[in-house]
Amino acid sequence: MATLEYPAALRYSRDHEWAAGTDGDGAARVGITAFAQDSLGDVVFVEAPAVGDSVTAGEQCGEVESTKSVSDLISPVTGTVVEVNESLGDSPEVINSDPYGEGWIFTVSLEGDGALGDLLDSAAYADFVANEVA
């Protein structure tokens, strides 16, 4: 398996999603990790939650379909969806090439304090992945 990156600025769930705070505005951008996209293979379709939908940490909020399988998209945070990456409709494969950049899936206006604090940092997530695939 190729060496996968887990940027230190992001927080990670055990369901293989990432979240990043957006400029202190109480929102977080969400996507799937390099490990998730590598495991899925070529992503061909993304079903994201809609703007205005409420999402709950640890609960399904969409799907990511690849040439190999369909996986649930599990929200790493709780809040209301305020933006969806519409470009994934035409180019879902960008998740494979840039999972932490242009491959983001949706943005959530967070509920409560410290929502990102409940997630793993990059080192803890890397250890989790190493133990999961061992």
N, C-alpha and C. Protein backbone atom coordinates (compact mmCIF):
# COMPACT_ATOMS: atom_id res chain seq x y z
N MET A 1 0.85 -1.18 0.00
CA MET A 1 0.00 0.00 0.00
C MET A 1 0.89 1.24 0.00
N ALA A 2 0.53 2.23 -0.76
CA ALA A 2 1.27 3.48 -0.81
C ALA A 2 1.17 4.19 0.54
N THR A 3 2.14 5.02 0.83
CA THR A 3 2.08 5.81 2.04
C THR A 3 0.99 6.87 1.89
N LEU A 4 0.08 6.88 2.82
CA LEU A 4 -1.04 7.82 2.77
C LEU A 4 -0.79 8.95 3.75
N GLU A 5 -1.23 10.14 3.40
CA GLU A 5 -1.02 11.31 4.23
C GLU A 5 -2.27 11.66 5.02
N TYR A 6 -2.04 12.18 6.23
CA TYR A 6 -3.11 12.65 7.10
C TYR A 6 -2.68 14.01 7.63
N PRO A 7 -3.04 15.11 6.95
CA PRO A 7 -2.59 16.44 7.34
C PRO A 7 -2.88 16.77 8.80
N ALA A 8 -1.89 17.36 9.46
CA ALA A 8 -1.99 17.67 10.89
C ALA A 8 -3.07 18.70 11.20
N ALA A 9 -3.42 19.55 10.25
CA ALA A 9 -4.42 20.60 10.50
C ALA A 9 -5.84 20.06 10.57
N LEU A 10 -6.04 18.81 10.16
CA LEU A 10 -7.38 18.22 10.12
C LEU A 10 -7.63 17.35 11.35
N ARG A 11 -8.89 17.02 11.58
CA ARG A 11 -9.29 16.06 12.61
C ARG A 11 -10.00 14.91 11.90
N TYR A 12 -9.94 13.71 12.48
CA TYR A 12 -10.37 12.50 11.81
C TYR A 12 -11.30 11.66 12.66
N SER A 13 -12.25 10.99 11.98
CA SER A 13 -13.16 10.08 12.68
C SER A 13 -12.71 8.64 12.45
N ARG A 14 -13.18 7.75 13.31
CA ARG A 14 -12.89 6.32 13.13
C ARG A 14 -13.68 5.74 11.96
N ASP A 15 -14.57 6.55 11.38
CA ASP A 15 -15.33 6.14 10.19
C ASP A 15 -14.64 6.61 8.91
N HIS A 16 -13.42 7.16 9.05
CA HIS A 16 -12.57 7.57 7.92
C HIS A 16 -13.05 8.82 7.20
N GLU A 17 -13.63 9.74 7.96
CA GLU A 17 -13.94 11.07 7.44
C GLU A 17 -13.02 12.07 8.14
N TRP A 18 -12.82 13.21 7.52
CA TRP A 18 -12.04 14.28 8.13
C TRP A 18 -12.91 15.52 8.26
N ALA A 19 -12.51 16.40 9.16
CA ALA A 19 -13.18 17.68 9.34
C ALA A 19 -12.12 18.74 9.61
N ALA A 20 -12.35 19.93 9.07
CA ALA A 20 -11.44 21.04 9.28
C ALA A 20 -12.25 22.29 9.57
N GLY A 21 -11.90 22.98 10.63
CA GLY A 21 -12.55 24.24 10.95
C GLY A 21 -12.30 25.25 9.82
N THR A 22 -13.26 26.13 9.58
CA THR A 22 -13.12 27.11 8.50
C THR A 22 -13.06 28.51 9.09
N ASP A 23 -11.86 28.99 9.33
CA ASP A 23 -11.61 30.39 9.71
C ASP A 23 -12.37 30.86 10.95
N GLY A 24 -12.54 30.02 11.93
CA GLY A 24 -13.14 30.44 13.19
C GLY A 24 -14.58 30.90 13.11
N ASP A 25 -15.29 30.49 12.06
CA ASP A 25 -16.68 30.92 11.88
C ASP A 25 -17.70 29.91 12.40
N GLY A 26 -17.22 28.91 13.15
CA GLY A 26 -18.14 27.92 13.70
C GLY A 26 -18.59 26.89 12.69
N ALA A 27 -17.85 26.76 11.59
CA ALA A 27 -18.19 25.78 10.56
C ALA A 27 -17.02 24.83 10.35
N ALA A 28 -17.30 23.69 9.74
CA ALA A 28 -16.26 22.72 9.42
C ALA A 28 -16.52 22.13 8.05
N ARG A 29 -15.47 22.00 7.28
CA ARG A 29 -15.52 21.34 5.98
C ARG A 29 -15.27 19.86 6.21
N VAL A 30 -15.95 18.98 5.46
CA VAL A 30 -15.91 17.54 5.68
C VAL A 30 -15.58 16.82 4.37
N GLY A 31 -14.81 15.73 4.49
CA GLY A 31 -14.52 14.88 3.35
C GLY A 31 -14.13 13.49 3.84
N ILE A 32 -13.72 12.63 2.92
CA ILE A 32 -13.25 11.30 3.32
C ILE A 32 -11.72 11.31 3.28
N THR A 33 -11.12 10.46 4.08
CA THR A 33 -9.67 10.44 4.20
C THR A 33 -8.99 9.75 3.02
N ALA A 34 -7.69 9.95 2.93
CA ALA A 34 -6.90 9.28 1.90
C ALA A 34 -7.03 7.77 2.05
N PHE A 35 -7.08 7.27 3.28
CA PHE A 35 -7.25 5.84 3.51
C PHE A 35 -8.58 5.36 2.94
N ALA A 36 -9.65 6.12 3.18
CA ALA A 36 -10.98 5.74 2.69
C ALA A 36 -11.02 5.71 1.18
N GLN A 37 -10.51 6.76 0.53
CA GLN A 37 -10.57 6.79 -0.93
C GLN A 37 -9.68 5.71 -1.53
N ASP A 38 -8.55 5.41 -0.88
CA ASP A 38 -7.65 4.36 -1.36
C ASP A 38 -8.33 2.99 -1.25
N SER A 39 -9.03 2.78 -0.15
CA SER A 39 -9.75 1.51 0.07
C SER A 39 -10.90 1.34 -0.91
N LEU A 40 -11.60 2.44 -1.20
CA LEU A 40 -12.75 2.38 -2.11
C LEU A 40 -12.34 2.13 -3.55
N GLY A 41 -11.22 2.69 -3.97
CA GLY A 41 -10.86 2.64 -5.38
C GLY A 41 -11.44 3.85 -6.09
N ASP A 42 -11.65 3.74 -7.39
CA ASP A 42 -12.08 4.88 -8.19
C ASP A 42 -13.50 5.31 -7.82
N VAL A 43 -13.62 6.53 -7.27
CA VAL A 43 -14.92 7.07 -6.88
C VAL A 43 -15.66 7.52 -8.14
N VAL A 44 -16.92 7.04 -8.27
CA VAL A 44 -17.72 7.35 -9.46
C VAL A 44 -18.98 8.15 -9.15
N PHE A 45 -19.38 8.25 -7.87
CA PHE A 45 -20.59 8.98 -7.51
C PHE A 45 -20.55 9.32 -6.02
N VAL A 46 -21.01 10.52 -5.69
CA VAL A 46 -21.11 10.95 -4.30
C VAL A 46 -22.51 11.46 -4.05
N GLU A 47 -23.15 10.91 -3.03
CA GLU A 47 -24.45 11.42 -2.58
C GLU A 47 -24.20 12.15 -1.27
N ALA A 48 -24.19 13.48 -1.33
CA ALA A 48 -23.93 14.31 -0.15
C ALA A 48 -25.26 14.75 0.45
N PRO A 49 -25.24 15.15 1.72
CA PRO A 49 -26.46 15.74 2.28
C PRO A 49 -26.73 17.07 1.57
N ALA A 50 -27.95 17.54 1.63
CA ALA A 50 -28.34 18.80 0.98
C ALA A 50 -28.15 19.98 1.92
N VAL A 51 -27.95 21.15 1.35
CA VAL A 51 -27.89 22.37 2.15
C VAL A 51 -29.18 22.47 2.96
N GLY A 52 -29.04 22.74 4.25
CA GLY A 52 -30.18 22.81 5.15
C GLY A 52 -30.42 21.54 5.94
N ASP A 53 -29.83 20.42 5.48
CA ASP A 53 -29.98 19.15 6.22
C ASP A 53 -29.24 19.22 7.55
N SER A 54 -29.79 18.58 8.56
CA SER A 54 -29.09 18.41 9.82
C SER A 54 -28.31 17.10 9.75
N VAL A 55 -27.07 17.13 10.22
CA VAL A 55 -26.26 15.92 10.29
C VAL A 55 -25.82 15.72 11.73
N THR A 56 -25.63 14.47 12.11
CA THR A 56 -25.24 14.12 13.47
C THR A 56 -23.97 13.29 13.44
N ALA A 57 -23.03 13.66 14.29
CA ALA A 57 -21.77 12.93 14.35
C ALA A 57 -22.03 11.44 14.56
N GLY A 58 -21.38 10.61 13.74
CA GLY A 58 -21.50 9.17 13.85
C GLY A 58 -22.68 8.57 13.10
N GLU A 59 -23.46 9.41 12.43
CA GLU A 59 -24.63 8.91 11.70
C GLU A 59 -24.47 9.11 10.20
N GLN A 60 -25.09 8.22 9.42
CA GLN A 60 -25.01 8.28 7.97
C GLN A 60 -25.66 9.56 7.45
N CYS A 61 -25.00 10.17 6.46
CA CYS A 61 -25.56 11.39 5.86
C CYS A 61 -25.45 11.38 4.35
N GLY A 62 -24.99 10.27 3.78
CA GLY A 62 -24.84 10.16 2.33
C GLY A 62 -24.12 8.88 1.98
N GLU A 63 -23.66 8.81 0.72
CA GLU A 63 -22.94 7.62 0.24
C GLU A 63 -21.83 8.04 -0.71
N VAL A 64 -20.80 7.20 -0.75
CA VAL A 64 -19.73 7.34 -1.73
C VAL A 64 -19.67 6.02 -2.48
N GLU A 65 -19.84 6.10 -3.81
CA GLU A 65 -19.86 4.91 -4.64
C GLU A 65 -18.58 4.85 -5.47
N SER A 66 -17.98 3.68 -5.51
CA SER A 66 -16.78 3.47 -6.31
C SER A 66 -17.01 2.32 -7.26
N THR A 67 -15.99 2.04 -8.06
CA THR A 67 -16.10 0.90 -8.97
C THR A 67 -16.13 -0.42 -8.20
N LYS A 68 -15.71 -0.40 -6.92
CA LYS A 68 -15.67 -1.62 -6.12
C LYS A 68 -16.86 -1.80 -5.19
N SER A 69 -17.38 -0.67 -4.64
CA SER A 69 -18.43 -0.80 -3.62
C SER A 69 -19.13 0.53 -3.39
N VAL A 70 -20.12 0.47 -2.51
CA VAL A 70 -20.80 1.67 -2.03
C VAL A 70 -20.57 1.73 -0.53
N SER A 71 -20.13 2.88 -0.04
CA SER A 71 -19.88 3.06 1.39
C SER A 71 -20.71 4.20 1.92
N ASP A 72 -21.17 4.04 3.16
CA ASP A 72 -21.90 5.11 3.82
C ASP A 72 -20.97 6.27 4.11
N LEU A 73 -21.47 7.46 3.96
CA LEU A 73 -20.78 8.67 4.37
C LEU A 73 -21.29 8.99 5.76
N ILE A 74 -20.40 8.96 6.75
CA ILE A 74 -20.77 9.16 8.15
C ILE A 74 -20.27 10.54 8.58
N SER A 75 -21.15 11.37 9.05
CA SER A 75 -20.73 12.71 9.45
C SER A 75 -19.83 12.64 10.68
N PRO A 76 -18.68 13.33 10.65
CA PRO A 76 -17.81 13.36 11.83
C PRO A 76 -18.22 14.43 12.84
N VAL A 77 -19.16 15.29 12.47
CA VAL A 77 -19.58 16.41 13.31
C VAL A 77 -21.10 16.56 13.27
N THR A 78 -21.62 17.34 14.22
CA THR A 78 -23.06 17.61 14.29
C THR A 78 -23.33 19.06 13.93
N GLY A 79 -24.35 19.27 13.09
CA GLY A 79 -24.72 20.62 12.73
C GLY A 79 -25.62 20.64 11.51
N THR A 80 -25.66 21.80 10.85
CA THR A 80 -26.50 22.00 9.68
C THR A 80 -25.62 22.22 8.46
N VAL A 81 -25.93 21.53 7.38
CA VAL A 81 -25.16 21.65 6.14
C VAL A 81 -25.41 23.03 5.54
N VAL A 82 -24.31 23.77 5.29
CA VAL A 82 -24.43 25.11 4.73
C VAL A 82 -23.85 25.22 3.32
N GLU A 83 -23.11 24.19 2.90
CA GLU A 83 -22.53 24.20 1.56
C GLU A 83 -22.23 22.76 1.14
N VAL A 84 -22.42 22.48 -0.15
CA VAL A 84 -22.11 21.17 -0.71
C VAL A 84 -21.19 21.40 -1.91
N ASN A 85 -20.21 20.54 -2.08
CA ASN A 85 -19.28 20.64 -3.19
C ASN A 85 -19.96 20.14 -4.47
N GLU A 86 -20.61 21.06 -5.17
CA GLU A 86 -21.39 20.71 -6.36
C GLU A 86 -20.51 20.14 -7.49
N SER A 87 -19.23 20.47 -7.50
CA SER A 87 -18.35 19.99 -8.58
C SER A 87 -18.18 18.47 -8.55
N LEU A 88 -18.48 17.84 -7.41
CA LEU A 88 -18.37 16.38 -7.34
C LEU A 88 -19.41 15.69 -8.20
N GLY A 89 -20.49 16.38 -8.54
CA GLY A 89 -21.52 15.80 -9.42
C GLY A 89 -20.95 15.46 -10.79
N ASP A 90 -20.10 16.33 -11.30
CA ASP A 90 -19.48 16.11 -12.61
C ASP A 90 -18.13 15.42 -12.51
N SER A 91 -17.44 15.58 -11.39
CA SER A 91 -16.08 15.05 -11.25
C SER A 91 -15.85 14.39 -9.89
N PRO A 92 -16.58 13.31 -9.59
CA PRO A 92 -16.40 12.67 -8.28
C PRO A 92 -15.00 12.11 -8.08
N GLU A 93 -14.29 11.84 -9.17
CA GLU A 93 -12.95 11.26 -9.08
C GLU A 93 -11.94 12.20 -8.43
N VAL A 94 -12.29 13.48 -8.28
CA VAL A 94 -11.38 14.42 -7.60
C VAL A 94 -11.15 13.98 -6.15
N ILE A 95 -12.07 13.23 -5.58
CA ILE A 95 -11.87 12.69 -4.23
C ILE A 95 -10.64 11.79 -4.21
N ASN A 96 -10.40 11.04 -5.28
CA ASN A 96 -9.22 10.18 -5.33
C ASN A 96 -7.93 10.98 -5.47
N SER A 97 -7.96 12.03 -6.29
CA SER A 97 -6.73 12.78 -6.55
C SER A 97 -6.44 13.85 -5.51
N ASP A 98 -7.46 14.36 -4.82
CA ASP A 98 -7.26 15.46 -3.87
C ASP A 98 -8.27 15.38 -2.73
N PRO A 99 -8.20 14.32 -1.90
CA PRO A 99 -9.23 14.12 -0.88
C PRO A 99 -9.31 15.23 0.16
N TYR A 100 -8.21 15.95 0.40
CA TYR A 100 -8.20 16.98 1.44
C TYR A 100 -8.34 18.39 0.86
N GLY A 101 -8.38 18.52 -0.45
CA GLY A 101 -8.50 19.83 -1.07
C GLY A 101 -9.80 19.93 -1.84
N GLU A 102 -9.70 19.85 -3.16
CA GLU A 102 -10.88 19.98 -4.03
C GLU A 102 -11.87 18.84 -3.84
N GLY A 103 -11.49 17.77 -3.15
CA GLY A 103 -12.38 16.63 -2.93
C GLY A 103 -13.23 16.72 -1.68
N TRP A 104 -13.28 17.90 -1.05
CA TRP A 104 -14.16 18.05 0.11
C TRP A 104 -15.61 17.78 -0.32
N ILE A 105 -16.46 17.37 0.64
CA ILE A 105 -17.82 16.97 0.27
C ILE A 105 -18.87 17.99 0.72
N PHE A 106 -18.82 18.42 1.98
CA PHE A 106 -19.81 19.40 2.45
C PHE A 106 -19.24 20.21 3.61
N THR A 107 -19.90 21.33 3.91
CA THR A 107 -19.53 22.18 5.03
C THR A 107 -20.72 22.26 5.99
N VAL A 108 -20.41 22.19 7.28
CA VAL A 108 -21.42 22.16 8.33
C VAL A 108 -21.24 23.35 9.27
N SER A 109 -22.34 24.01 9.61
CA SER A 109 -22.35 24.99 10.69
C SER A 109 -22.48 24.17 11.97
N LEU A 110 -21.43 24.18 12.78
CA LEU A 110 -21.35 23.28 13.93
C LEU A 110 -22.30 23.66 15.05
N GLU A 111 -22.79 22.62 15.74
CA GLU A 111 -23.60 22.81 16.94
C GLU A 111 -22.72 22.51 18.14
N GLY A 112 -22.81 23.32 19.18
CA GLY A 112 -22.07 23.06 20.41
C GLY A 112 -20.61 23.45 20.30
N ASP A 113 -19.94 23.42 21.42
CA ASP A 113 -18.52 23.77 21.49
C ASP A 113 -17.64 22.53 21.38
N GLY A 114 -16.49 22.70 20.77
CA GLY A 114 -15.50 21.63 20.75
C GLY A 114 -15.87 20.43 19.92
N ALA A 115 -16.72 20.59 18.94
CA ALA A 115 -17.13 19.45 18.12
C ALA A 115 -15.93 18.77 17.48
N LEU A 116 -14.96 19.55 17.04
CA LEU A 116 -13.78 18.97 16.41
C LEU A 116 -12.86 18.31 17.44
N GLY A 117 -12.95 18.74 18.69
CA GLY A 117 -12.11 18.20 19.74
C GLY A 117 -12.38 16.75 20.04
N ASP A 118 -13.54 16.26 19.65
CA ASP A 118 -13.88 14.86 19.89
C ASP A 118 -13.25 13.92 18.86
N LEU A 119 -12.66 14.50 17.82
CA LEU A 119 -12.08 13.70 16.75
C LEU A 119 -10.60 13.44 16.99
N LEU A 120 -10.04 12.51 16.23
CA LEU A 120 -8.64 12.13 16.37
C LEU A 120 -7.73 13.14 15.67
N ASP A 121 -6.54 13.36 16.24
CA ASP A 121 -5.55 14.15 15.51
C ASP A 121 -4.87 13.23 14.49
N SER A 122 -4.01 13.78 13.67
CA SER A 122 -3.44 13.00 12.57
C SER A 122 -2.63 11.81 13.06
N ALA A 123 -1.86 11.97 14.13
CA ALA A 123 -1.05 10.86 14.64
C ALA A 123 -1.94 9.73 15.18
N ALA A 124 -2.98 10.10 15.93
CA ALA A 124 -3.89 9.08 16.48
C ALA A 124 -4.64 8.37 15.36
N TYR A 125 -5.03 9.12 14.33
CA TYR A 125 -5.73 8.49 13.20
C TYR A 125 -4.80 7.55 12.45
N ALA A 126 -3.56 7.96 12.22
CA ALA A 126 -2.59 7.10 11.54
C ALA A 126 -2.39 5.79 12.33
N ASP A 127 -2.30 5.90 13.66
CA ASP A 127 -2.20 4.70 14.49
C ASP A 127 -3.44 3.84 14.38
N PHE A 128 -4.61 4.46 14.39
CA PHE A 128 -5.88 3.73 14.24
C PHE A 128 -5.91 2.96 12.93
N VAL A 129 -5.54 3.61 11.84
CA VAL A 129 -5.52 2.95 10.53
C VAL A 129 -4.52 1.81 10.51
N ALA A 130 -3.33 2.03 11.05
CA ALA A 130 -2.30 0.99 11.08
C ALA A 130 -2.78 -0.24 11.83
N ASN A 131 -3.49 -0.03 12.94
CA ASN A 131 -4.01 -1.15 13.73
C ASN A 131 -5.20 -1.82 13.06
N GLU A 132 -5.99 -1.04 12.32
CA GLU A 132 -7.17 -1.59 11.64
C GLU A 132 -6.77 -2.52 10.50
N VAL A 133 -5.73 -2.16 9.77
CA VAL A 133 -5.34 -2.97 8.61
C VAL A 133 -4.34 -4.05 8.96
N ALA A 134 -3.84 -4.04 10.20
CA ALA A 134 -2.85 -5.03 10.62
C ALA A 134 -3.48 -6.41 10.78
